[in-house]
Amino acid sequence: MSRWLAALPMYNVGDEVAGLYRLWLERILARLVARGFRESVTLAEPGESLLDWWQRDDLLLSQTCGYPLMTRLRDRVVPLAIPAYRYAGCQSGFYRSALLVPADSPIRLLADARGRRVAANQPDSHSGMNALRAAVAPLAKGGRFFAEVRWSGSHAASIEALLAGSADLAAIDAVTHAYLLRQRPDLKTALRRIGWTAPAPGLPLIAGRRVPPQWRSVLTGLIVASSQQDRSILDALGIDRFVPCHWRDYRTILSLETSAQQHGYPELA
């Protein structure tokens, strides 16, 4: 008997949200078993390296960011469906990043952030890096815009950098931002949004490449059907529905990268 692993590591913002995603995942896996899947499945803890996690041979179901999906995972995973969120900055399965500054910052437009410090979560993040790079590229001069780029490790840490005064701007995934606002209402007055990045397809639910095609199809069907079956959980998570997705849907991610390169701004700098 094969053994498989599953986890949803992307939006575990606090215990309540993490618990809801785990409950939803448990329900999907239970329905998979009811449909005849007889292999062993364990709910796992992905660990620090998500890239290693997504490339595991025993990966059954997970969620990734669109940027590593297109740049690092093309031969390792298969996109299944996109959660369509109801939050500000999200629409019909697309999402943006909120461009945030401290409430008392003199920055009013992105151009005002020239020569300032930016906090970004990860170099392989679409929401924190790729989308911001594309927004900044037309404003950059000589391949530079910011005085300093600080890699924080997470969107939450980027926000803490803004609050602590060690960064002047950050691009925060709209869904993460909404979850953090629910937990910390003080952020509504402590930070100010000066704009949004361009829309891109949301973070896809994925199956490992070794999952047989028939079971990938079943998983997609179960995920889409849960839009009706798990309404109370999804309402609490701000998810309106799930939309089936394909590789071609994520070309937008690479087009934003290409646009930045064409402006002579290949790296966030």
C-alpha atoms as a PDB file:
ATOM      1  CA  MET A   1       0.000   0.000   0.000  1.00  0.00           C
ATOM      2  CA  SER A   2       1.295   3.443  -0.960  1.00  0.00           C
ATOM      3  CA  ARG A   3       1.533   6.153   1.681  1.00  0.00           C
ATOM      4  CA  TRP A   4       0.632   9.738   0.870  1.00  0.00           C
ATOM      5  CA  LEU A   5       0.908  13.075   2.672  1.00  0.00           C
ATOM      6  CA  ALA A   6      -1.385  16.113   2.625  1.00  0.00           C
ATOM      7  CA  ALA A   7      -1.231  19.599   4.139  1.00  0.00           C
ATOM      8  CA  LEU A   8      -2.378  23.156   3.408  1.00  0.00           C
ATOM      9  CA  PRO A   9       0.556  25.346   4.501  1.00  0.00           C
ATOM     10  CA  MET A  10      -0.181  28.699   2.858  1.00  0.00           C
ATOM     11  CA  TYR A  11      -2.819  30.525   4.927  1.00  0.00           C
ATOM     12  CA  ASN A  12      -2.317  29.191   8.455  1.00  0.00           C
ATOM     13  CA  VAL A  13      -2.663  32.649  10.002  1.00  0.00           C
ATOM     14  CA  GLY A  14      -3.394  31.838  13.638  1.00  0.00           C
ATOM     15  CA  ASP A  15      -4.856  28.767  15.297  1.00  0.00           C
ATOM     16  CA  GLU A  16      -8.484  29.411  14.332  1.00  0.00           C
ATOM     17  CA  VAL A  17      -7.801  29.783  10.607  1.00  0.00           C
ATOM     18  CA  ALA A  18      -5.327  26.875  10.602  1.00  0.00           C
ATOM     19  CA  GLY A  19      -7.907  24.681  12.351  1.00  0.00           C
ATOM     20  CA  LEU A  20     -10.589  25.503   9.777  1.00  0.00           C
ATOM     21  CA  TYR A  21      -8.295  24.650   6.866  1.00  0.00           C
ATOM     22  CA  ARG A  22      -7.362  21.382   8.564  1.00  0.00           C
ATOM     23  CA  LEU A  23     -11.033  20.515   9.127  1.00  0.00           C
ATOM     24  CA  TRP A  24     -11.825  21.229   5.471  1.00  0.00           C
ATOM     25  CA  LEU A  25      -8.890  19.076   4.358  1.00  0.00           C
ATOM     26  CA  GLU A  26     -10.002  16.223   6.621  1.00  0.00           C
ATOM     27  CA  ARG A  27     -13.444  16.315   5.016  1.00  0.00           C
ATOM     28  CA  ILE A  28     -12.001  16.230   1.503  1.00  0.00           C
ATOM     29  CA  LEU A  29      -9.813  13.242   2.387  1.00  0.00           C
ATOM     30  CA  ALA A  30     -12.731  11.418   4.039  1.00  0.00           C
ATOM     31  CA  ARG A  31     -14.780  11.828   0.851  1.00  0.00           C
ATOM     32  CA  LEU A  32     -11.831  10.622  -1.174  1.00  0.00           C
ATOM     33  CA  VAL A  33     -11.792   7.410   0.862  1.00  0.00           C
ATOM     34  CA  ALA A  34     -15.561   7.102   0.398  1.00  0.00           C
ATOM     35  CA  ARG A  35     -14.954   7.260  -3.357  1.00  0.00           C
ATOM     36  CA  GLY A  36     -12.687   4.215  -3.146  1.00  0.00           C
ATOM     37  CA  PHE A  37      -9.219   5.596  -2.414  1.00  0.00           C
ATOM     38  CA  ARG A  38      -7.629   2.860  -0.315  1.00  0.00           C
ATOM     39  CA  GLU A  39      -4.105   4.211   0.153  1.00  0.00           C
ATOM     40  CA  SER A  40      -2.806   5.565   3.458  1.00  0.00           C
ATOM     41  CA  VAL A  41      -2.974   9.363   3.831  1.00  0.00           C
ATOM     42  CA  THR A  42      -1.355  11.320   6.678  1.00  0.00           C
ATOM     43  CA  LEU A  43      -1.962  14.969   7.523  1.00  0.00           C
ATOM     44  CA  ALA A  44       1.590  16.265   7.674  1.00  0.00           C
ATOM     45  CA  GLU A  45       3.612  19.235   8.926  1.00  0.00           C
ATOM     46  CA  PRO A  46       5.528  20.477   5.860  1.00  0.00           C
ATOM     47  CA  GLY A  47       8.474  21.932   7.801  1.00  0.00           C
ATOM     48  CA  GLU A  48      10.516  25.021   6.974  1.00  0.00           C
ATOM     49  CA  SER A  49      11.249  24.303   3.308  1.00  0.00           C
ATOM     50  CA  LEU A  50       7.967  24.436   1.423  1.00  0.00           C
ATOM     51  CA  LEU A  51       9.777  23.958  -1.870  1.00  0.00           C
ATOM     52  CA  ASP A  52      11.058  20.591  -0.643  1.00  0.00           C
ATOM     53  CA  TRP A  53       7.563  19.741   0.615  1.00  0.00           C
ATOM     54  CA  TRP A  54       5.893  20.463  -2.730  1.00  0.00           C
ATOM     55  CA  GLN A  55       8.446  18.274  -4.519  1.00  0.00           C
ATOM     56  CA  ARG A  56       7.941  15.168  -2.386  1.00  0.00           C
ATOM     57  CA  ASP A  57       7.179  11.975  -4.279  1.00  0.00           C
ATOM     58  CA  ASP A  58       4.492  11.086  -1.723  1.00  0.00           C
ATOM     59  CA  LEU A  59       2.601  14.399  -1.924  1.00  0.00           C
ATOM     60  CA  LEU A  60      -1.127  13.863  -2.404  1.00  0.00           C
ATOM     61  CA  LEU A  61      -2.748  17.266  -1.873  1.00  0.00           C
ATOM     62  CA  SER A  62      -1.443  20.692  -0.886  1.00  0.00           C
ATOM     63  CA  GLN A  63      -1.462  24.364  -1.839  1.00  0.00           C
ATOM     64  CA  THR A  64       1.314  26.448  -3.329  1.00  0.00           C
ATOM     65  CA  CYS A  65       2.068  29.967  -4.548  1.00  0.00           C
ATOM     66  CA  GLY A  66       1.676  30.709  -8.245  1.00  0.00           C
ATOM     67  CA  TYR A  67       5.271  31.909  -8.685  1.00  0.00           C
ATOM     68  CA  PRO A  68       7.098  28.718  -7.595  1.00  0.00           C
ATOM     69  CA  LEU A  69       4.347  26.775  -9.378  1.00  0.00           C
ATOM     70  CA  MET A  70       5.473  28.261 -12.681  1.00  0.00           C
ATOM     71  CA  THR A  71       9.200  28.608 -12.026  1.00  0.00           C
ATOM     72  CA  ARG A  72      10.146  25.558  -9.944  1.00  0.00           C
ATOM     73  CA  LEU A  73       7.354  22.983  -9.883  1.00  0.00           C
ATOM     74  CA  ARG A  74       6.313  22.399 -13.498  1.00  0.00           C
ATOM     75  CA  ASP A  75       7.421  18.752 -13.493  1.00  0.00           C
ATOM     76  CA  ARG A  76       6.497  18.001  -9.862  1.00  0.00           C
ATOM     77  CA  VAL A  77       2.862  18.957  -9.244  1.00  0.00           C
ATOM     78  CA  VAL A  78      -0.467  19.446 -11.028  1.00  0.00           C
ATOM     79  CA  PRO A  79      -2.790  22.424 -10.296  1.00  0.00           C
ATOM     80  CA  LEU A  80      -6.348  21.371  -9.437  1.00  0.00           C
ATOM     81  CA  ALA A  81      -8.455  24.315  -8.262  1.00  0.00           C
ATOM     82  CA  ILE A  82      -8.319  27.908  -6.996  1.00  0.00           C
ATOM     83  CA  PRO A  83     -10.157  29.142  -3.888  1.00  0.00           C
ATOM     84  CA  ALA A  84     -12.150  32.255  -4.817  1.00  0.00           C
ATOM     85  CA  TYR A  85     -12.059  34.546  -1.788  1.00  0.00           C
ATOM     86  CA  ARG A  86     -14.507  37.315  -0.861  1.00  0.00           C
ATOM     87  CA  TYR A  87     -11.980  39.693   0.641  1.00  0.00           C
ATOM     88  CA  ALA A  88     -10.929  43.130  -0.588  1.00  0.00           C
ATOM     89  CA  GLY A  89      -8.413  42.691  -3.391  1.00  0.00           C
ATOM     90  CA  CYS A  90      -9.915  39.336  -4.451  1.00  0.00           C
ATOM     91  CA  GLN A  91     -12.372  38.627  -7.250  1.00  0.00           C
ATOM     92  CA  SER A  92     -13.412  35.504  -9.178  1.00  0.00           C
ATOM     93  CA  GLY A  93     -10.371  33.470  -8.148  1.00  0.00           C
ATOM     94  CA  PHE A  94      -7.915  36.332  -8.664  1.00  0.00           C
ATOM     95  CA  TYR A  95      -6.135  38.223  -5.898  1.00  0.00           C
ATOM     96  CA  ARG A  96      -3.850  41.200  -5.422  1.00  0.00           C
ATOM     97  CA  SER A  97      -1.349  42.347  -2.847  1.00  0.00           C
ATOM     98  CA  ALA A  98      -2.059  45.354  -0.654  1.00  0.00           C
ATOM     99  CA  LEU A  99       0.726  47.951  -0.734  1.00  0.00           C
ATOM    100  CA  LEU A 100       0.994  48.908   2.935  1.00  0.00           C
ATOM    101  CA  VAL A 101       2.862  51.666   4.748  1.00  0.00           C
ATOM    102  CA  PRO A 102       2.739  52.898   8.360  1.00  0.00           C
ATOM    103  CA  ALA A 103      -0.263  55.129   8.968  1.00  0.00           C
ATOM    104  CA  ASP A 104       1.917  58.192   9.612  1.00  0.00           C
ATOM    105  CA  SER A 105       4.162  57.619   6.590  1.00  0.00           C
ATOM    106  CA  PRO A 106       4.588  60.462   4.081  1.00  0.00           C
ATOM    107  CA  ILE A 107       4.304  57.886   1.291  1.00  0.00           C
ATOM    108  CA  ARG A 108       1.084  58.416  -0.650  1.00  0.00           C
ATOM    109  CA  LEU A 109       1.921  56.780  -3.981  1.00  0.00           C
ATOM    110  CA  LEU A 110       4.260  53.912  -4.828  1.00  0.00           C
ATOM    111  CA  ALA A 111       6.589  56.392  -6.522  1.00  0.00           C
ATOM    112  CA  ASP A 112       7.028  58.098  -3.136  1.00  0.00           C
ATOM    113  CA  ALA A 113       8.709  54.937  -1.829  1.00  0.00           C
ATOM    114  CA  ARG A 114      11.808  55.515  -3.972  1.00  0.00           C
ATOM    115  CA  GLY A 115      14.905  55.255  -1.800  1.00  0.00           C
ATOM    116  CA  ARG A 116      12.948  53.700   1.077  1.00  0.00           C
ATOM    117  CA  ARG A 117      13.192  50.288   2.764  1.00  0.00           C
ATOM    118  CA  VAL A 118      10.906  47.458   1.675  1.00  0.00           C
ATOM    119  CA  ALA A 119      10.077  44.286   3.614  1.00  0.00           C
ATOM    120  CA  ALA A 120       9.291  41.216   1.489  1.00  0.00           C
ATOM    121  CA  ASN A 121       8.439  37.754   2.726  1.00  0.00           C
ATOM    122  CA  GLN A 122      10.350  35.449   0.349  1.00  0.00           C
ATOM    123  CA  PRO A 123      12.304  35.755  -2.923  1.00  0.00           C
ATOM    124  CA  ASP A 124      10.025  33.104  -4.497  1.00  0.00           C
ATOM    125  CA  SER A 125       6.738  34.693  -3.392  1.00  0.00           C
ATOM    126  CA  HIS A 126       4.388  36.105  -6.009  1.00  0.00           C
ATOM    127  CA  SER A 127       2.428  38.316  -3.625  1.00  0.00           C
ATOM    128  CA  GLY A 128       5.391  39.660  -1.661  1.00  0.00           C
ATOM    129  CA  MET A 129       8.029  39.834  -4.415  1.00  0.00           C
ATOM    130  CA  ASN A 130       6.938  39.132  -8.008  1.00  0.00           C
ATOM    131  CA  ALA A 131       3.808  41.300  -7.954  1.00  0.00           C
ATOM    132  CA  LEU A 132       5.667  44.119  -6.200  1.00  0.00           C
ATOM    133  CA  ARG A 133       8.609  43.872  -8.613  1.00  0.00           C
ATOM    134  CA  ALA A 134       6.218  44.266 -11.568  1.00  0.00           C
ATOM    135  CA  ALA A 135       4.572  47.295  -9.940  1.00  0.00           C
ATOM    136  CA  VAL A 136       7.891  48.978  -9.190  1.00  0.00           C
ATOM    137  CA  ALA A 137       9.638  48.164 -12.500  1.00  0.00           C
ATOM    138  CA  PRO A 138       8.305  51.151 -14.491  1.00  0.00           C
ATOM    139  CA  LEU A 139       9.495  53.462 -11.701  1.00  0.00           C
ATOM    140  CA  ALA A 140      12.977  51.977 -11.246  1.00  0.00           C
ATOM    141  CA  LYS A 141      16.130  53.680 -12.486  1.00  0.00           C
ATOM    142  CA  GLY A 142      19.245  51.738 -13.352  1.00  0.00           C
ATOM    143  CA  GLY A 143      17.683  48.557 -11.995  1.00  0.00           C
ATOM    144  CA  ARG A 144      17.120  50.023  -8.540  1.00  0.00           C
ATOM    145  CA  PHE A 145      14.268  51.613  -6.646  1.00  0.00           C
ATOM    146  CA  PHE A 146      14.555  50.804  -2.933  1.00  0.00           C
ATOM    147  CA  ALA A 147      17.392  51.725  -0.606  1.00  0.00           C
ATOM    148  CA  GLU A 148      17.164  48.300   1.017  1.00  0.00           C
ATOM    149  CA  VAL A 149      15.250  45.038   0.597  1.00  0.00           C
ATOM    150  CA  ARG A 150      14.674  43.114   3.829  1.00  0.00           C
ATOM    151  CA  TRP A 151      13.596  39.486   3.459  1.00  0.00           C
ATOM    152  CA  SER A 152      11.350  38.962   6.460  1.00  0.00           C
ATOM    153  CA  GLY A 153      10.368  35.288   6.049  1.00  0.00           C
ATOM    154  CA  SER A 154       6.586  35.828   6.156  1.00  0.00           C
ATOM    155  CA  HIS A 155       3.881  38.394   5.467  1.00  0.00           C
ATOM    156  CA  ALA A 156       3.219  38.655   9.194  1.00  0.00           C
ATOM    157  CA  ALA A 157       6.894  39.440   9.802  1.00  0.00           C
ATOM    158  CA  SER A 158       6.810  42.070   7.039  1.00  0.00           C
ATOM    159  CA  ILE A 159       3.907  43.758   8.818  1.00  0.00           C
ATOM    160  CA  GLU A 160       5.827  43.657  12.097  1.00  0.00           C
ATOM    161  CA  ALA A 161       8.717  45.382  10.320  1.00  0.00           C
ATOM    162  CA  LEU A 162       6.347  48.171   9.252  1.00  0.00           C
ATOM    163  CA  LEU A 163       5.035  48.518  12.791  1.00  0.00           C
ATOM    164  CA  ALA A 164       8.549  48.545  14.260  1.00  0.00           C
ATOM    165  CA  GLY A 165       9.739  51.201  11.841  1.00  0.00           C
ATOM    166  CA  SER A 166      12.399  48.980  10.258  1.00  0.00           C
ATOM    167  CA  ALA A 167      10.617  48.980   6.864  1.00  0.00           C
ATOM    168  CA  ASP A 168       8.669  51.639   4.988  1.00  0.00           C
ATOM    169  CA  LEU A 169       6.578  49.528   2.603  1.00  0.00           C
ATOM    170  CA  ALA A 170       5.461  45.941   2.068  1.00  0.00           C
ATOM    171  CA  ALA A 171       3.236  44.078  -0.397  1.00  0.00           C
ATOM    172  CA  ILE A 172       0.930  41.766   1.543  1.00  0.00           C
ATOM    173  CA  ASP A 173      -1.245  39.009   0.069  1.00  0.00           C
ATOM    174  CA  ALA A 174      -4.864  40.218   0.247  1.00  0.00           C
ATOM    175  CA  VAL A 175      -6.069  37.026   1.946  1.00  0.00           C
ATOM    176  CA  THR A 176      -3.315  37.043   4.557  1.00  0.00           C
ATOM    177  CA  HIS A 177      -4.025  40.725   5.155  1.00  0.00           C
ATOM    178  CA  ALA A 178      -7.727  40.014   5.711  1.00  0.00           C
ATOM    179  CA  TYR A 179      -6.968  37.196   8.173  1.00  0.00           C
ATOM    180  CA  LEU A 180      -4.515  39.370  10.094  1.00  0.00           C
ATOM    181  CA  LEU A 181      -7.046  42.205  10.301  1.00  0.00           C
ATOM    182  CA  ARG A 182      -9.547  39.786  11.862  1.00  0.00           C
ATOM    183  CA  GLN A 183      -7.024  38.849  14.540  1.00  0.00           C
ATOM    184  CA  ARG A 184      -5.571  42.314  15.070  1.00  0.00           C
ATOM    185  CA  PRO A 185      -8.088  45.134  14.556  1.00  0.00           C
ATOM    186  CA  ASP A 186      -5.359  47.608  15.562  1.00  0.00           C
ATOM    187  CA  LEU A 187      -3.756  47.099  12.171  1.00  0.00           C
ATOM    188  CA  LYS A 188      -6.649  48.988  10.571  1.00  0.00           C
ATOM    189  CA  THR A 189      -5.381  52.219  12.066  1.00  0.00           C
ATOM    190  CA  ALA A 190      -1.667  51.377  12.394  1.00  0.00           C
ATOM    191  CA  LEU A 191      -1.171  50.750   8.672  1.00  0.00           C
ATOM    192  CA  ARG A 192      -2.429  52.423   5.509  1.00  0.00           C
ATOM    193  CA  ARG A 193      -2.966  50.958   2.047  1.00  0.00           C
ATOM    194  CA  ILE A 194      -1.615  53.120  -0.793  1.00  0.00           C
ATOM    195  CA  GLY A 195      -2.643  50.791  -3.623  1.00  0.00           C
ATOM    196  CA  TRP A 196      -2.873  47.273  -5.019  1.00  0.00           C
ATOM    197  CA  THR A 197      -0.647  45.190  -7.251  1.00  0.00           C
ATOM    198  CA  ALA A 198      -1.965  43.752 -10.528  1.00  0.00           C
ATOM    199  CA  PRO A 199      -4.452  40.860 -10.214  1.00  0.00           C
ATOM    200  CA  ALA A 200      -3.199  37.290 -10.593  1.00  0.00           C
ATOM    201  CA  PRO A 201      -4.759  33.832 -10.170  1.00  0.00           C
ATOM    202  CA  GLY A 202      -5.042  32.801  -6.532  1.00  0.00           C
ATOM    203  CA  LEU A 203      -2.934  30.207  -4.762  1.00  0.00           C
ATOM    204  CA  PRO A 204      -3.741  26.824  -6.366  1.00  0.00           C
ATOM    205  CA  LEU A 205      -4.568  23.592  -4.641  1.00  0.00           C
ATOM    206  CA  ILE A 206      -2.213  21.017  -6.136  1.00  0.00           C
ATOM    207  CA  ALA A 207      -1.708  17.274  -6.385  1.00  0.00           C
ATOM    208  CA  GLY A 208       1.686  15.608  -6.564  1.00  0.00           C
ATOM    209  CA  ARG A 209       2.742  14.478 -10.039  1.00  0.00           C
ATOM    210  CA  ARG A 210       2.739  10.812  -8.943  1.00  0.00           C
ATOM    211  CA  VAL A 211      -0.955  10.913  -8.021  1.00  0.00           C
ATOM    212  CA  PRO A 212      -2.733   8.895 -10.752  1.00  0.00           C
ATOM    213  CA  PRO A 213      -4.734  11.074 -13.194  1.00  0.00           C
ATOM    214  CA  GLN A 214      -8.047   9.453 -12.231  1.00  0.00           C
ATOM    215  CA  TRP A 215      -7.549  10.400  -8.589  1.00  0.00           C
ATOM    216  CA  ARG A 216      -6.443  13.924  -9.489  1.00  0.00           C
ATOM    217  CA  SER A 217      -9.752  14.228 -11.338  1.00  0.00           C
ATOM    218  CA  VAL A 218     -11.673  12.902  -8.333  1.00  0.00           C
ATOM    219  CA  LEU A 219      -9.882  15.343  -6.031  1.00  0.00           C
ATOM    220  CA  THR A 220     -10.754  18.272  -8.288  1.00  0.00           C
ATOM    221  CA  GLY A 221     -14.399  17.205  -8.310  1.00  0.00           C
ATOM    222  CA  LEU A 222     -14.491  16.859  -4.526  1.00  0.00           C
ATOM    223  CA  ILE A 223     -12.887  20.266  -4.033  1.00  0.00           C
ATOM    224  CA  VAL A 224     -15.329  22.006  -6.382  1.00  0.00           C
ATOM    225  CA  ALA A 225     -18.316  20.188  -4.840  1.00  0.00           C
ATOM    226  CA  SER A 226     -17.249  21.313  -1.367  1.00  0.00           C
ATOM    227  CA  SER A 227     -18.271  24.841  -2.403  1.00  0.00           C
ATOM    228  CA  GLN A 228     -21.785  23.702  -1.450  1.00  0.00           C
ATOM    229  CA  GLN A 229     -21.101  20.886   1.011  1.00  0.00           C
ATOM    230  CA  ASP A 230     -18.864  22.817   3.404  1.00  0.00           C
ATOM    231  CA  ARG A 231     -20.523  26.205   3.422  1.00  0.00           C
ATOM    232  CA  SER A 232     -20.076  26.963   7.123  1.00  0.00           C
ATOM    233  CA  ILE A 233     -16.330  26.254   7.023  1.00  0.00           C
ATOM    234  CA  LEU A 234     -15.801  28.148   3.785  1.00  0.00           C
ATOM    235  CA  ASP A 235     -17.827  31.131   4.975  1.00  0.00           C
ATOM    236  CA  ALA A 236     -15.589  31.334   8.037  1.00  0.00           C
ATOM    237  CA  LEU A 237     -12.533  31.243   5.751  1.00  0.00           C
ATOM    238  CA  GLY A 238     -13.927  33.848   3.368  1.00  0.00           C
ATOM    239  CA  ILE A 239     -14.056  31.398   0.459  1.00  0.00           C
ATOM    240  CA  ASP A 240     -16.932  31.829  -1.977  1.00  0.00           C
ATOM    241  CA  ARG A 241     -16.232  28.789  -4.147  1.00  0.00           C
ATOM    242  CA  PHE A 242     -13.507  26.728  -5.812  1.00  0.00           C
ATOM    243  CA  VAL A 243     -12.669  27.130  -9.500  1.00  0.00           C
ATOM    244  CA  PRO A 244     -10.910  24.365 -11.496  1.00  0.00           C
ATOM    245  CA  CYS A 245      -7.585  25.602 -12.863  1.00  0.00           C
ATOM    246  CA  HIS A 246      -4.894  24.652 -15.361  1.00  0.00           C
ATOM    247  CA  TRP A 247      -1.303  25.592 -16.092  1.00  0.00           C
ATOM    248  CA  ARG A 248      -2.370  28.173 -18.682  1.00  0.00           C
ATOM    249  CA  ASP A 249      -4.245  30.131 -16.007  1.00  0.00           C
ATOM    250  CA  TYR A 250      -0.930  31.017 -14.367  1.00  0.00           C
ATOM    251  CA  ARG A 251       0.759  32.549 -17.396  1.00  0.00           C
ATOM    252  CA  THR A 252      -0.111  35.916 -15.847  1.00  0.00           C
ATOM    253  CA  ILE A 253       2.471  35.202 -13.140  1.00  0.00           C
ATOM    254  CA  LEU A 254       5.253  34.842 -15.705  1.00  0.00           C
ATOM    255  CA  SER A 255       4.044  37.792 -17.773  1.00  0.00           C
ATOM    256  CA  LEU A 256       4.535  40.032 -14.731  1.00  0.00           C
ATOM    257  CA  GLU A 257       8.062  38.695 -14.339  1.00  0.00           C
ATOM    258  CA  THR A 258       8.754  39.303 -18.030  1.00  0.00           C
ATOM    259  CA  SER A 259       7.389  42.840 -17.794  1.00  0.00           C
ATOM    260  CA  ALA A 260       9.782  43.655 -14.951  1.00  0.00           C
ATOM    261  CA  GLN A 261      12.713  42.209 -16.893  1.00  0.00           C
ATOM    262  CA  GLN A 262      11.801  44.262 -19.951  1.00  0.00           C
ATOM    263  CA  HIS A 263      11.949  47.375 -17.782  1.00  0.00           C
ATOM    264  CA  GLY A 264      15.470  46.416 -16.740  1.00  0.00           C
ATOM    265  CA  TYR A 265      14.369  45.444 -13.237  1.00  0.00           C
ATOM    266  CA  PRO A 266      14.939  41.669 -12.961  1.00  0.00           C
ATOM    267  CA  GLU A 267      15.334  41.668  -9.163  1.00  0.00           C
ATOM    268  CA  LEU A 268      13.578  43.485  -6.367  1.00  0.00           C
ATOM    269  CA  ALA A 269      16.183  46.081  -5.514  1.00  0.00           C
END
